[in-house]
Amino acid sequence: MIAGLALAPLALSSCKDDTPKVDQIVLSDLRLSSFSISSEEHKSLSTMPFSIRNFPTGHSEVFNQQPITFGWSLKKIKLHIKASDPVSKIEVAMGESSEFKEYDAKAVHDLSGSSKLNIRLNLKGGNKSFSHIYKVDIRQYKYNPLAVEWTAAAFLGTPSLGDRANRVFDLGGVKHLFALSTTGMRHYTLASSKGSWREQLDLMPAGSSEQIEQVEQGLSTFYGMDAKGFLYKLEEGQWTKLEQDQPAKALLGVLPARTPKEHDRLALLLAATQGEVQAGQDPLSRYAYGYYEAGRVVRSGYIAPTNFPLTNRTLVRSFSPTAGSRLHLVGVGAERTAWYTTNGKDWQMLSHSTVPGVKYATLVEWSNQFYSIETTNEGMQIWVSTDRGLSWNDAKEVALKGIEVGALARMPVVAWVDEAQEAFFLLQGVSAPSSSAKVWRGVPLKNEF
């Protein structure tokens, strides 16, 4: 698509001499109609779209809005240039050179040193000529898109992290951390990346002997579940027990809303009935899918397979009630599996891979990528998904620059994205109550080109 200047039609004389006169030549006669590149090594480059911006004075511009993948070779590139009639000659100058050569569609160029070039369009009118230059910038990421650089950070009131916290929620711009400790569920809030953590004293219903063990975020509040499988809603610092006709085994998240005014529906795991197991495909399954809506638990009739992330696994779930039109869930334990649901009645597995030795895991979403940060017996590892869990890339050392990897071995961790979307923070838990929790600031480098 050509953006910028509106193009005027070419006015030609009707006499026998078809060569346009100099006073008939306008900028629209010297326009680039298309530009693309190709490479035998990277076939997809031929489909990469380029934007063309025409300007009435000075030079016009050509660039690719989506940069080329980091590390792709640009040594053997062909240029595909088309110009509008009646351009008489197309010339190209590579890099910052002012030496123009006539365009050859078969020529192979080395753009690894500089991905900039100039295109000059020439048009002759009578005994005079006219030219216009397009400056071309072929953008490529400077850094490995998996790269993360870490520095130490500090917050006042940083909580000691229990082993049952793997998410930080964002509600109205405030970060909420729920961590299960020996004394119950602790709730901390952080108003900004320059602020301090503050503990909130959420109260259980009067006379209750139970404690909240699982927490999920709704559209405007939080939902919890106690050890007996009963559900609660957090309202102004008070957990209110919901009406419920049967207990659940796990609270998985809040389903995408079907209408703007719909009340939150909670995705659940339930104890499977004998009939559900017999009708399913996995005779070893002990759980079934369901959801909570308007005071009742709705059973779907579908069982959860044994490789579904259950309560004895480290669960890393969706980050908002609506992730597209799906609720996403990623489980990390003996294996990494990624799942999604649109209705809470059934879940589809996106991917599955064996991940040995993972003790704790936390997940953040940054610039449409999932970062699974996992601690093991040896230290820490980071896996990155660019397709919402369909596939995972081992970031290895490229995502661990600046962080004390060995110090995080077997440590609980939890991560969150800062309010400016410029970085994410990693809260490292403690190995003993007397130890001090540490915070790291990680900056992904993929957006620079």
Protein backbone atom coordinates (compact mmCIF):
# COMPACT_ATOMS: atom_id res chain seq x y z
CA MET A 1 0.00 0.00 0.00
CA ILE A 2 1.31 3.46 -0.90
CA ALA A 3 0.80 5.94 1.89
CA GLY A 4 1.41 9.66 1.91
CA LEU A 5 0.98 11.87 -1.12
CA ALA A 6 -2.15 11.54 -3.25
CA LEU A 7 -1.00 10.71 -6.76
CA ALA A 8 -2.04 12.88 -9.68
CA PRO A 9 -2.66 11.34 -13.12
CA LEU A 10 -0.08 11.78 -15.83
CA ALA A 11 -1.11 14.31 -18.52
CA LEU A 12 0.36 13.38 -21.91
CA SER A 13 0.23 15.28 -25.18
CA SER A 14 -1.94 13.83 -27.93
CA CYS A 15 0.55 14.73 -30.68
CA LYS A 16 2.68 12.18 -32.46
CA ASP A 17 5.66 12.73 -30.14
CA ASP A 18 4.81 10.60 -27.08
CA THR A 19 7.77 11.87 -25.03
CA PRO A 20 6.32 13.93 -22.16
CA LYS A 21 7.30 17.59 -22.06
CA VAL A 22 9.19 18.82 -19.03
CA ASP A 23 6.25 20.97 -17.87
CA GLN A 24 4.05 17.87 -17.95
CA ILE A 25 6.28 15.87 -15.57
CA VAL A 26 4.93 15.75 -12.02
CA LEU A 27 5.97 13.73 -8.98
CA SER A 28 3.29 11.16 -9.63
CA ASP A 29 5.12 10.23 -12.85
CA LEU A 30 8.16 9.25 -10.76
CA ARG A 31 6.62 6.94 -8.27
CA LEU A 32 7.66 3.53 -7.05
CA SER A 33 4.81 1.08 -7.50
CA SER A 34 6.30 -1.84 -5.55
CA PHE A 35 9.41 -2.95 -3.69
CA SER A 36 10.34 -6.33 -2.23
CA ILE A 37 13.37 -8.52 -1.58
CA SER A 38 14.07 -12.24 -1.82
CA SER A 39 16.64 -14.75 -0.70
CA GLU A 40 17.19 -18.39 -1.55
CA GLU A 41 18.11 -19.02 2.09
CA HIS A 42 15.01 -17.40 3.61
CA LYS A 43 12.03 -17.89 1.32
CA SER A 44 9.62 -15.93 3.53
CA LEU A 45 11.47 -12.67 2.82
CA SER A 46 9.72 -12.52 -0.55
CA THR A 47 6.36 -12.08 1.20
CA MET A 48 7.53 -9.40 3.65
CA PRO A 49 5.50 -6.22 3.01
CA PHE A 50 7.24 -2.88 2.54
CA SER A 51 5.62 0.52 3.07
CA ILE A 52 6.21 3.22 0.44
CA ARG A 53 5.84 6.85 1.48
CA ASN A 54 5.80 9.50 -1.24
CA PHE A 55 6.69 13.10 -0.40
CA PRO A 56 6.36 16.12 -2.75
CA THR A 57 9.79 17.52 -1.85
CA GLY A 58 13.06 15.98 -0.80
CA HIS A 59 13.16 12.19 -0.95
CA SER A 60 10.54 9.50 -0.46
CA GLU A 61 10.89 6.46 1.82
CA VAL A 62 10.60 2.67 1.74
CA PHE A 63 10.78 0.49 4.86
CA ASN A 64 9.48 -2.75 6.37
CA GLN A 65 7.33 -2.16 9.45
CA GLN A 66 8.02 -5.65 10.84
CA PRO A 67 11.81 -6.06 11.17
CA ILE A 68 13.56 -9.11 9.75
CA THR A 69 14.27 -11.90 12.23
CA PHE A 70 17.50 -11.52 14.18
CA GLY A 71 20.40 -13.53 12.77
CA TRP A 72 19.02 -14.04 9.28
CA SER A 73 21.69 -13.65 6.64
CA LEU A 74 21.34 -10.73 4.21
CA LYS A 75 24.41 -11.62 2.16
CA LYS A 76 22.57 -12.85 -0.93
CA ILE A 77 19.59 -10.60 -1.52
CA LYS A 78 17.78 -9.82 -4.75
CA LEU A 79 15.85 -6.57 -5.15
CA HIS A 80 12.49 -6.48 -6.89
CA ILE A 81 11.63 -2.94 -7.97
CA LYS A 82 8.77 -1.72 -10.12
CA ALA A 83 8.07 1.87 -11.07
CA SER A 84 5.16 3.55 -12.77
CA ASP A 85 5.23 4.37 -16.46
CA PRO A 86 6.83 6.33 -18.07
CA VAL A 87 9.96 6.06 -15.86
CA SER A 88 12.85 5.63 -18.29
CA LYS A 89 15.48 4.23 -15.93
CA ILE A 90 15.77 2.80 -12.40
CA GLU A 91 19.12 3.13 -10.62
CA VAL A 92 20.33 1.79 -7.28
CA ALA A 93 23.09 2.93 -4.89
CA MET A 94 23.98 0.51 -2.12
CA GLY A 95 24.59 1.61 1.46
CA GLU A 96 25.41 5.28 1.87
CA SER A 97 27.14 5.38 -1.51
CA SER A 98 26.25 8.08 -4.01
CA GLU A 99 27.37 5.88 -6.89
CA PHE A 100 24.22 4.83 -8.74
CA LYS A 101 24.15 1.84 -11.07
CA GLU A 102 21.35 0.76 -13.35
CA TYR A 103 18.98 -1.66 -11.65
CA ASP A 104 19.45 -5.32 -12.56
CA ALA A 105 16.69 -7.66 -11.34
CA LYS A 106 19.09 -10.63 -11.50
CA ALA A 107 21.83 -9.02 -9.43
CA VAL A 108 22.60 -10.43 -5.97
CA HIS A 109 23.52 -7.92 -3.26
CA ASP A 110 25.29 -8.23 0.09
CA LEU A 111 23.28 -6.22 2.63
CA SER A 112 24.95 -7.65 5.74
CA GLY A 113 27.14 -4.56 6.20
CA SER A 114 24.40 -2.01 5.58
CA SER A 115 20.72 -2.60 4.96
CA LYS A 116 20.19 0.89 3.55
CA LEU A 117 20.11 1.79 -0.13
CA ASN A 118 18.86 4.50 -2.46
CA ILE A 119 16.67 4.07 -5.52
CA ARG A 120 16.70 6.79 -8.17
CA LEU A 121 13.88 6.98 -10.70
CA ASN A 122 14.66 8.90 -13.88
CA LEU A 123 12.31 10.33 -16.47
CA LYS A 124 13.23 12.28 -19.59
CA GLY A 125 10.98 15.04 -20.94
CA GLY A 126 12.03 16.69 -24.19
CA ASN A 127 15.68 17.68 -23.84
CA LYS A 128 15.51 17.75 -20.02
CA SER A 129 15.40 15.03 -17.38
CA PHE A 130 13.87 14.71 -13.94
CA SER A 131 14.67 12.31 -11.08
CA HIS A 132 13.40 11.40 -7.66
CA ILE A 133 15.11 9.38 -4.91
CA TYR A 134 13.64 6.80 -2.54
CA LYS A 135 15.66 6.05 0.58
CA VAL A 136 15.21 2.38 1.50
CA ASP A 137 15.70 1.09 5.05
CA ILE A 138 15.53 -2.71 5.38
CA ARG A 139 15.08 -3.11 9.11
CA GLN A 140 16.40 -6.10 11.05
CA TYR A 141 16.36 -6.80 14.79
CA LYS A 142 19.72 -5.99 16.38
CA TYR A 143 19.30 -8.48 19.18
CA ASN A 144 18.26 -12.05 19.66
CA PRO A 145 14.50 -11.78 20.38
CA LEU A 146 14.97 -14.16 23.30
CA ALA A 147 17.58 -11.92 24.96
CA VAL A 148 16.95 -10.48 28.42
CA GLU A 149 19.38 -8.38 30.46
CA TRP A 150 19.00 -8.40 34.25
CA THR A 151 19.99 -5.94 36.97
CA ALA A 152 19.34 -5.97 40.70
CA ALA A 153 16.31 -3.96 41.84
CA ALA A 154 14.88 -3.06 45.21
CA PHE A 155 11.43 -2.44 46.70
CA LEU A 156 10.46 -1.51 50.21
CA GLY A 157 8.40 -4.14 51.97
CA THR A 158 9.36 -6.93 49.56
CA PRO A 159 7.47 -10.01 50.76
CA SER A 160 9.10 -13.32 51.54
CA LEU A 161 7.71 -15.64 48.92
CA GLY A 162 5.88 -18.83 49.84
CA ASP A 163 6.04 -21.89 47.63
CA ARG A 164 2.42 -21.52 46.50
CA ALA A 165 2.70 -18.22 44.64
CA ASN A 166 3.50 -18.12 40.94
CA ARG A 167 1.59 -15.09 39.67
CA VAL A 168 1.24 -11.38 40.20
CA PHE A 169 -2.12 -9.98 39.11
CA ASP A 170 -2.71 -6.51 37.66
CA LEU A 171 -6.04 -4.96 38.63
CA GLY A 172 -6.62 -1.30 37.85
CA GLY A 173 -2.90 -0.63 37.52
CA VAL A 174 -2.11 -2.08 40.96
CA LYS A 175 -0.08 -5.29 41.30
CA HIS A 176 -1.48 -7.96 43.62
CA LEU A 177 0.55 -10.87 44.95
CA PHE A 178 -1.14 -13.73 46.81
CA ALA A 179 1.26 -16.09 48.58
CA LEU A 180 0.18 -19.09 50.66
CA SER A 181 2.14 -19.37 53.88
CA THR A 182 1.90 -21.53 57.00
CA THR A 183 -0.42 -18.92 58.51
CA GLY A 184 -2.72 -18.68 55.50
CA MET A 185 -2.99 -16.66 52.32
CA ARG A 186 -1.00 -13.42 52.40
CA HIS A 187 -2.04 -10.56 50.10
CA TYR A 188 0.42 -7.83 49.05
CA THR A 189 -0.08 -4.85 46.72
CA LEU A 190 2.31 -2.66 44.75
CA ALA A 191 1.04 0.64 43.31
CA SER A 192 4.01 1.39 41.02
CA SER A 193 7.49 0.14 40.12
CA LYS A 194 8.89 2.96 42.28
CA GLY A 195 6.63 2.23 45.23
CA SER A 196 6.67 -0.30 48.04
CA TRP A 197 4.82 -3.53 48.75
CA ARG A 198 2.06 -3.30 51.33
CA GLU A 199 0.32 -6.21 53.01
CA GLN A 200 -3.49 -6.24 52.93
CA LEU A 201 -5.44 -7.83 55.79
CA ASP A 202 -8.17 -9.72 53.96
CA LEU A 203 -10.70 -11.24 56.36
CA MET A 204 -12.46 -14.58 56.11
CA PRO A 205 -16.17 -14.86 56.98
CA ALA A 206 -16.90 -14.77 60.71
CA GLY A 207 -16.59 -18.20 62.29
CA SER A 208 -14.80 -19.75 59.32
CA SER A 209 -11.97 -22.15 60.09
CA GLU A 210 -10.86 -22.41 56.46
CA GLN A 211 -8.18 -20.49 54.58
CA ILE A 212 -8.03 -19.43 50.94
CA GLU A 213 -5.61 -21.68 49.03
CA GLN A 214 -6.14 -20.65 45.40
CA VAL A 215 -6.79 -17.21 43.90
CA GLU A 216 -7.82 -16.10 40.41
CA GLN A 217 -8.56 -12.66 38.96
CA GLY A 218 -11.95 -11.64 37.59
CA LEU A 219 -12.88 -8.53 35.64
CA SER A 220 -12.99 -6.28 38.70
CA THR A 221 -12.10 -8.41 41.72
CA PHE A 222 -10.55 -11.68 42.89
CA TYR A 223 -11.97 -15.14 43.51
CA GLY A 224 -10.59 -17.70 45.91
CA MET A 225 -11.08 -21.35 46.82
CA ASP A 226 -10.48 -23.02 50.17
CA ALA A 227 -9.13 -26.51 50.88
CA LYS A 228 -12.64 -28.01 50.81
CA GLY A 229 -13.36 -26.69 47.31
CA PHE A 230 -15.69 -23.82 48.19
CA LEU A 231 -15.50 -20.51 46.35
CA TYR A 232 -15.18 -16.94 47.65
CA LYS A 233 -15.20 -13.42 46.25
CA LEU A 234 -13.00 -10.61 47.62
CA GLU A 235 -14.99 -7.45 48.32
CA GLU A 236 -13.38 -4.48 50.11
CA GLY A 237 -10.94 -6.61 52.07
CA GLN A 238 -13.50 -9.28 52.99
CA TRP A 239 -13.75 -12.78 51.48
CA THR A 240 -17.44 -13.54 50.92
CA LYS A 241 -18.47 -17.18 50.46
CA LEU A 242 -20.44 -17.82 47.25
CA GLU A 243 -23.53 -19.97 46.98
CA GLN A 244 -22.43 -23.32 45.64
CA ASP A 245 -24.21 -26.65 45.16
CA GLN A 246 -21.09 -28.85 45.05
CA PRO A 247 -17.38 -28.40 45.85
CA ALA A 248 -14.60 -28.16 43.28
CA LYS A 249 -11.08 -29.55 43.19
CA ALA A 250 -9.28 -26.64 41.52
CA LEU A 251 -9.99 -23.08 40.42
CA LEU A 252 -8.49 -22.63 36.94
CA GLY A 253 -9.42 -19.08 36.00
CA VAL A 254 -12.15 -16.75 34.81
CA LEU A 255 -13.66 -17.54 31.42
CA PRO A 256 -13.85 -14.99 28.58
CA ALA A 257 -17.08 -13.00 28.80
CA ARG A 258 -19.72 -13.77 26.17
CA THR A 259 -21.40 -10.37 26.59
CA PRO A 260 -20.09 -7.05 28.02
CA LYS A 261 -22.39 -7.24 31.06
CA GLU A 262 -21.97 -10.93 31.84
CA HIS A 263 -21.00 -11.92 35.37
CA ASP A 264 -17.73 -13.76 35.86
CA ARG A 265 -17.82 -17.48 35.12
CA LEU A 266 -15.15 -19.53 36.87
CA ALA A 267 -13.40 -22.46 35.16
CA LEU A 268 -13.07 -25.42 37.54
CA LEU A 269 -11.75 -28.92 37.92
CA LEU A 270 -14.20 -31.30 39.60
CA ALA A 271 -13.95 -34.81 40.97
CA ALA A 272 -14.86 -37.08 38.03
CA THR A 273 -17.84 -39.39 38.35
CA GLN A 274 -17.58 -43.05 37.37
CA GLY A 275 -19.82 -42.37 34.39
CA GLU A 276 -17.62 -39.51 33.17
CA VAL A 277 -14.48 -41.67 33.43
CA GLN A 278 -16.12 -44.55 31.55
CA ALA A 279 -17.28 -42.20 28.81
CA GLY A 280 -13.85 -40.55 28.49
CA GLN A 281 -10.63 -41.53 26.75
CA ASP A 282 -8.41 -41.74 29.83
CA PRO A 283 -9.42 -44.41 32.39
CA LEU A 284 -6.82 -43.11 34.89
CA SER A 285 -8.31 -39.63 35.05
CA ARG A 286 -9.75 -38.49 38.37
CA TYR A 287 -10.94 -35.03 37.33
CA ALA A 288 -13.56 -33.50 35.06
CA TYR A 289 -13.99 -30.02 33.62
CA GLY A 290 -16.72 -27.68 34.74
CA TYR A 291 -17.50 -24.07 35.54
CA TYR A 292 -19.28 -21.98 38.15
CA GLU A 293 -22.08 -19.61 37.16
CA ALA A 294 -24.83 -17.89 39.17
CA GLY A 295 -24.62 -20.06 42.26
CA ARG A 296 -24.26 -23.46 40.64
CA VAL A 297 -21.48 -25.68 39.36
CA VAL A 298 -22.04 -26.88 35.80
CA ARG A 299 -20.47 -30.21 34.90
CA SER A 300 -19.27 -30.46 31.31
CA GLY A 301 -19.14 -34.25 31.07
CA TYR A 302 -15.56 -34.07 29.75
CA ILE A 303 -12.77 -35.54 31.85
CA ALA A 304 -9.32 -33.99 32.21
CA PRO A 305 -6.55 -36.29 30.93
CA THR A 306 -3.79 -37.29 33.33
CA ASN A 307 -1.34 -34.89 31.66
CA PHE A 308 -3.58 -31.89 32.39
CA PRO A 309 -1.84 -29.61 34.96
CA LEU A 310 -3.52 -30.61 38.21
CA THR A 311 -3.10 -29.23 41.71
CA ASN A 312 0.09 -31.23 42.33
CA ARG A 313 1.82 -29.43 39.45
CA THR A 314 3.17 -25.90 39.21
CA LEU A 315 0.43 -24.00 37.42
CA VAL A 316 1.00 -20.91 35.32
CA ARG A 317 -2.28 -19.56 34.05
CA SER A 318 -3.72 -16.87 31.82
CA PHE A 319 -2.97 -13.24 32.60
CA SER A 320 -6.35 -11.68 31.99
CA PRO A 321 -9.95 -12.86 31.85
CA THR A 322 -9.82 -12.52 28.08
CA ALA A 323 -6.77 -13.66 26.12
CA GLY A 324 -8.20 -13.18 22.66
CA SER A 325 -11.35 -15.25 23.12
CA ARG A 326 -9.56 -17.92 25.12
CA LEU A 327 -8.45 -18.67 28.64
CA HIS A 328 -4.86 -19.92 28.46
CA LEU A 329 -3.15 -22.17 30.97
CA VAL A 330 0.44 -23.36 31.02
CA GLY A 331 1.53 -26.05 33.44
CA VAL A 332 5.15 -26.72 34.32
CA GLY A 333 6.18 -29.72 36.36
CA ALA A 334 7.26 -33.15 35.15
CA GLU A 335 6.35 -31.79 31.71
CA ARG A 336 5.35 -28.48 30.18
CA THR A 337 1.89 -28.42 28.65
CA ALA A 338 -0.07 -25.49 27.26
CA TRP A 339 -3.86 -25.51 27.08
CA TYR A 340 -6.75 -23.22 26.24
CA THR A 341 -10.53 -23.16 26.60
CA THR A 342 -13.24 -20.93 25.18
CA ASN A 343 -16.12 -22.20 27.28
CA GLY A 344 -14.78 -24.04 30.35
CA LYS A 345 -16.48 -27.25 29.21
CA ASP A 346 -13.45 -28.67 27.49
CA TRP A 347 -9.79 -27.78 27.11
CA GLN A 348 -7.53 -28.26 24.09
CA MET A 349 -3.82 -28.99 24.45
CA LEU A 350 -1.59 -26.70 22.39
CA SER A 351 1.79 -28.23 23.14
CA HIS A 352 3.60 -30.77 25.26
CA SER A 353 7.28 -31.21 26.10
CA THR A 354 9.30 -32.96 28.77
CA VAL A 355 10.93 -30.52 31.20
CA PRO A 356 13.09 -32.37 33.74
CA GLY A 357 13.90 -31.03 37.17
CA VAL A 358 11.62 -27.98 37.37
CA LYS A 359 10.89 -26.98 40.97
CA TYR A 360 9.08 -23.66 40.56
CA ALA A 361 7.90 -21.63 37.59
CA THR A 362 6.35 -18.27 36.86
CA LEU A 363 5.06 -16.85 33.60
CA VAL A 364 4.89 -13.32 32.21
CA GLU A 365 3.55 -11.97 28.93
CA TRP A 366 5.59 -9.20 27.33
CA SER A 367 5.18 -7.85 23.79
CA ASN A 368 3.01 -10.83 22.76
CA GLN A 369 5.55 -13.35 24.06
CA PHE A 370 5.27 -15.79 26.96
CA TYR A 371 8.34 -16.04 29.20
CA SER A 372 8.37 -19.14 31.40
CA ILE A 373 10.95 -18.55 34.13
CA GLU A 374 11.76 -21.82 35.88
CA THR A 375 14.07 -22.80 38.73
CA THR A 376 15.72 -26.21 38.90
CA ASN A 377 18.18 -28.03 41.16
CA GLU A 378 21.03 -26.32 39.30
CA GLY A 379 19.71 -22.78 38.86
CA MET A 380 17.28 -21.05 36.53
CA GLN A 381 16.17 -21.47 32.92
CA ILE A 382 13.95 -19.38 30.66
CA TRP A 383 11.77 -20.63 27.82
CA VAL A 384 10.02 -18.27 25.40
CA SER A 385 6.90 -18.78 23.30
CA THR A 386 5.92 -16.39 20.51
CA ASP A 387 2.69 -18.24 19.66
CA ARG A 388 0.82 -18.34 23.00
CA GLY A 389 2.26 -21.66 24.09
CA LEU A 390 2.14 -23.60 20.83
CA SER A 391 5.93 -23.94 20.75
CA TRP A 392 8.74 -23.03 23.15
CA ASN A 393 12.31 -21.86 22.55
CA ASP A 394 15.08 -22.47 25.08
CA ALA A 395 16.60 -19.05 25.72
CA LYS A 396 19.67 -20.53 27.45
CA GLU A 397 22.35 -17.98 28.38
CA VAL A 398 20.98 -15.26 26.10
CA ALA A 399 18.14 -14.54 28.54
CA LEU A 400 20.19 -14.83 31.72
CA LYS A 401 22.76 -12.05 31.35
CA GLY A 402 23.46 -10.29 34.64
CA ILE A 403 21.50 -12.60 36.95
CA GLU A 404 22.97 -14.96 39.56
CA VAL A 405 21.58 -18.15 38.06
CA GLY A 406 23.06 -20.53 40.64
CA ALA A 407 21.61 -18.52 43.53
CA LEU A 408 18.09 -19.24 42.26
CA ALA A 409 18.39 -23.03 42.39
CA ARG A 410 15.25 -24.56 43.94
CA MET A 411 13.95 -21.08 44.85
CA PRO A 412 10.29 -20.07 44.46
CA VAL A 413 9.98 -17.21 41.98
CA VAL A 414 7.24 -14.91 40.74
CA ALA A 415 7.39 -12.32 37.94
CA TRP A 416 5.35 -9.34 36.77
CA VAL A 417 5.52 -6.68 34.04
CA ASP A 418 6.03 -3.05 35.04
CA GLU A 419 3.35 -0.47 34.33
CA ALA A 420 5.29 1.12 31.45
CA GLN A 421 5.64 -2.24 29.67
CA GLU A 422 9.39 -1.63 29.46
CA ALA A 423 10.61 -4.51 31.60
CA PHE A 424 9.55 -7.21 33.98
CA PHE A 425 10.53 -7.93 37.55
CA LEU A 426 11.42 -11.25 39.15
CA LEU A 427 10.91 -11.75 42.87
CA GLN A 428 13.25 -14.44 44.18
CA GLY A 429 11.96 -16.28 47.22
CA VAL A 430 13.93 -17.19 50.31
CA SER A 431 15.43 -20.46 51.48
CA ALA A 432 14.97 -19.61 55.16
CA PRO A 433 12.63 -17.23 57.05
CA SER A 434 15.61 -15.10 58.10
CA SER A 435 16.81 -14.60 54.51
CA SER A 436 16.04 -11.48 52.49
CA ALA A 437 14.04 -11.74 49.29
CA LYS A 438 15.68 -10.38 46.15
CA VAL A 439 14.19 -8.61 43.15
CA TRP A 440 15.63 -8.56 39.62
CA ARG A 441 14.67 -6.29 36.71
CA GLY A 442 14.75 -7.95 33.29
CA VAL A 443 14.74 -5.96 30.04
CA PRO A 444 13.94 -7.87 26.82
CA LEU A 445 15.86 -6.45 23.87
CA LYS A 446 13.75 -7.63 20.94
CA ASN A 447 12.11 -4.30 20.11
CA GLU A 448 15.30 -2.57 19.00
CA PHE A 449 16.27 -2.57 15.33
